[in-house]
Structure formats: structure tokens, C-alpha cells
Amino acid sequence: MEEGVIVPDASVALKWRLDDEEYVDQARTMLLDFSRGRIELVVPDLFFVEISNGMKVAVRMGRIDDGSAREFVNGSGNIAPELREI
């Protein structure tokens, strides 16, 4: 049963992969709740562009390697939140 709708932005999604962010545990719990059908995720239309840019910056800063960043970006579409124009 759904408990609610959450509108995460890309900064939350980056926490799903970057371990050095604040509130990583909360962001990952949100993703787990979504995967279990407890909540619905609705994202802005620029969500995936912003994730790509965030990972590009993280690679430049040495926070993640290029291959892992690409894997996350390429796999982020599989998360399948509802996309809405904002």
C-alpha cells in the first residue's frame, strides 16, 4: 500500500550512489520504500539531465570513477519514477 508521493530532486538521487553525501541513509531508505511500493516517486522533467551533470561533477572531483558514474546514469532510467513536466 502506498504511503505517499515524494518528489525527490537530483541531489537526493545522487545520494543513492555517492557515499560521501549527507543523509545517504535516508535517501537510500526512500529508494527502498519506492522499490517495495510503499511510496510513489514523481520527478521533474530535468531529473535525468541533472543526475548526469551531478555525476560528471563527481567524477571531476574524484568522488567516483567514470565507469561507476556511467553505470549509475545508464541504470537510473530503470528506477522508473513517474516523470512530470514542472
C-alpha atoms as a PDB file:
ATOM      1  CA  MET A   1       0.000   0.000   0.000  1.00  0.00           C
ATOM      2  CA  GLU A   2       1.265   3.467  -0.898  1.00  0.00           C
ATOM      3  CA  GLU A   3       2.000   5.827   1.969  1.00  0.00           C
ATOM      4  CA  GLY A   4       2.502   8.941  -0.139  1.00  0.00           C
ATOM      5  CA  VAL A   5       4.060  10.732  -3.029  1.00  0.00           C
ATOM      6  CA  ILE A   6       7.590  12.113  -2.794  1.00  0.00           C
ATOM      7  CA  VAL A   7       9.202  14.456  -5.324  1.00  0.00           C
ATOM      8  CA  PRO A   8      12.972  13.975  -4.983  1.00  0.00           C
ATOM      9  CA  ASP A   9      15.356  16.147  -6.926  1.00  0.00           C
ATOM     10  CA  ALA A  10      18.649  15.032  -8.418  1.00  0.00           C
ATOM     11  CA  SER A  11      20.564  15.836  -5.225  1.00  0.00           C
ATOM     12  CA  VAL A  12      18.585  13.091  -3.478  1.00  0.00           C
ATOM     13  CA  ALA A  13      19.154  10.651  -6.337  1.00  0.00           C
ATOM     14  CA  LEU A  14      22.911  11.269  -6.231  1.00  0.00           C
ATOM     15  CA  LYS A  15      22.869  10.086  -2.620  1.00  0.00           C
ATOM     16  CA  TRP A  16      21.687   6.705  -3.897  1.00  0.00           C
ATOM     17  CA  ARG A  17      25.206   6.214  -5.319  1.00  0.00           C
ATOM     18  CA  LEU A  18      27.617   8.695  -3.709  1.00  0.00           C
ATOM     19  CA  ASP A  19      28.641   7.501  -0.249  1.00  0.00           C
ATOM     20  CA  ASP A  20      30.184  10.798   0.888  1.00  0.00           C
ATOM     21  CA  GLU A  21      26.919  12.769   0.857  1.00  0.00           C
ATOM     22  CA  GLU A  22      24.889  13.804   3.896  1.00  0.00           C
ATOM     23  CA  TYR A  23      21.646  11.904   4.509  1.00  0.00           C
ATOM     24  CA  VAL A  24      22.674   8.921   2.384  1.00  0.00           C
ATOM     25  CA  ASP A  25      20.810   6.504   4.645  1.00  0.00           C
ATOM     26  CA  GLN A  26      17.567   8.464   4.388  1.00  0.00           C
ATOM     27  CA  ALA A  27      17.824   8.737   0.600  1.00  0.00           C
ATOM     28  CA  ARG A  28      18.502   5.022   0.248  1.00  0.00           C
ATOM     29  CA  THR A  29      15.616   4.177   2.559  1.00  0.00           C
ATOM     30  CA  MET A  30      13.384   6.283   0.285  1.00  0.00           C
ATOM     31  CA  LEU A  31      14.570   4.297  -2.734  1.00  0.00           C
ATOM     32  CA  LEU A  32      13.954   1.016  -0.898  1.00  0.00           C
ATOM     33  CA  ASP A  33      10.458   2.142   0.105  1.00  0.00           C
ATOM     34  CA  PHE A  34       9.779   3.018  -3.546  1.00  0.00           C
ATOM     35  CA  SER A  35      11.007  -0.374  -4.743  1.00  0.00           C
ATOM     36  CA  ARG A  36       8.698  -2.048  -2.213  1.00  0.00           C
ATOM     37  CA  GLY A  37       5.699   0.000  -3.364  1.00  0.00           C
ATOM     38  CA  ARG A  38       5.378   1.916  -0.097  1.00  0.00           C
ATOM     39  CA  ILE A  39       5.755   5.324  -1.726  1.00  0.00           C
ATOM     40  CA  GLU A  40       5.449   6.814  -5.183  1.00  0.00           C
ATOM     41  CA  LEU A  41       8.295   8.862  -6.644  1.00  0.00           C
ATOM     42  CA  VAL A  42       7.480  11.673  -9.047  1.00  0.00           C
ATOM     43  CA  VAL A  43      10.403  13.521 -10.589  1.00  0.00           C
ATOM     44  CA  PRO A  44      10.793  16.777 -12.533  1.00  0.00           C
ATOM     45  CA  ASP A  45      11.343  16.527 -16.274  1.00  0.00           C
ATOM     46  CA  LEU A  46      15.014  17.579 -15.949  1.00  0.00           C
ATOM     47  CA  PHE A  47      15.737  14.914 -13.323  1.00  0.00           C
ATOM     48  CA  PHE A  48      17.884  12.644 -15.513  1.00  0.00           C
ATOM     49  CA  VAL A  49      19.797  15.553 -17.057  1.00  0.00           C
ATOM     50  CA  GLU A  50      20.592  16.813 -13.570  1.00  0.00           C
ATOM     51  CA  ILE A  51      21.716  13.344 -12.430  1.00  0.00           C
ATOM     52  CA  SER A  52      24.069  13.154 -15.409  1.00  0.00           C
ATOM     53  CA  ASN A  53      25.521  16.553 -14.628  1.00  0.00           C
ATOM     54  CA  GLY A  54      25.916  15.713 -10.933  1.00  0.00           C
ATOM     55  CA  MET A  55      27.804  12.538 -11.761  1.00  0.00           C
ATOM     56  CA  LYS A  56      30.015  14.413 -14.230  1.00  0.00           C
ATOM     57  CA  VAL A  57      30.978  16.845 -11.468  1.00  0.00           C
ATOM     58  CA  ALA A  58      31.531  13.978  -9.003  1.00  0.00           C
ATOM     59  CA  VAL A  59      33.918  12.296 -11.484  1.00  0.00           C
ATOM     60  CA  ARG A  60      35.846  15.542 -11.957  1.00  0.00           C
ATOM     61  CA  MET A  61      36.156  15.896  -8.184  1.00  0.00           C
ATOM     62  CA  GLY A  62      37.399  12.321  -7.828  1.00  0.00           C
ATOM     63  CA  ARG A  63      34.408  11.236  -5.764  1.00  0.00           C
ATOM     64  CA  ILE A  64      33.527   8.381  -8.111  1.00  0.00           C
ATOM     65  CA  ASP A  65      35.202   6.727 -11.080  1.00  0.00           C
ATOM     66  CA  ASP A  66      33.927   7.315 -14.598  1.00  0.00           C
ATOM     67  CA  GLY A  67      32.717   3.747 -15.127  1.00  0.00           C
ATOM     68  CA  SER A  68      30.665   3.689 -11.931  1.00  0.00           C
ATOM     69  CA  ALA A  69      29.163   7.087 -12.731  1.00  0.00           C
ATOM     70  CA  ARG A  70      28.172   5.958 -16.223  1.00  0.00           C
ATOM     71  CA  GLU A  71      26.674   2.750 -14.832  1.00  0.00           C
ATOM     72  CA  PHE A  72      24.562   4.755 -12.384  1.00  0.00           C
ATOM     73  CA  VAL A  73      23.403   7.243 -15.008  1.00  0.00           C
ATOM     74  CA  ASN A  74      22.584   4.498 -17.516  1.00  0.00           C
ATOM     75  CA  GLY A  75      20.733   2.494 -14.867  1.00  0.00           C
ATOM     76  CA  SER A  76      18.841   5.437 -13.384  1.00  0.00           C
ATOM     77  CA  GLY A  77      16.124   5.068 -16.001  1.00  0.00           C
ATOM     78  CA  ASN A  78      15.407   1.606 -14.608  1.00  0.00           C
ATOM     79  CA  ILE A  79      14.328   3.144 -11.311  1.00  0.00           C
ATOM     80  CA  ALA A  80      11.206   4.283 -13.193  1.00  0.00           C
ATOM     81  CA  PRO A  81       9.788   7.115 -11.133  1.00  0.00           C
ATOM     82  CA  GLU A  82       6.894   8.964 -12.714  1.00  0.00           C
ATOM     83  CA  LEU A  83       8.202  11.815 -14.860  1.00  0.00           C
ATOM     84  CA  ARG A  84       6.273  15.099 -14.796  1.00  0.00           C
ATOM     85  CA  GLU A  85       6.833  18.393 -16.559  1.00  0.00           C
ATOM     86  CA  ILE A  86       7.446  21.100 -13.993  1.00  0.00           C
END
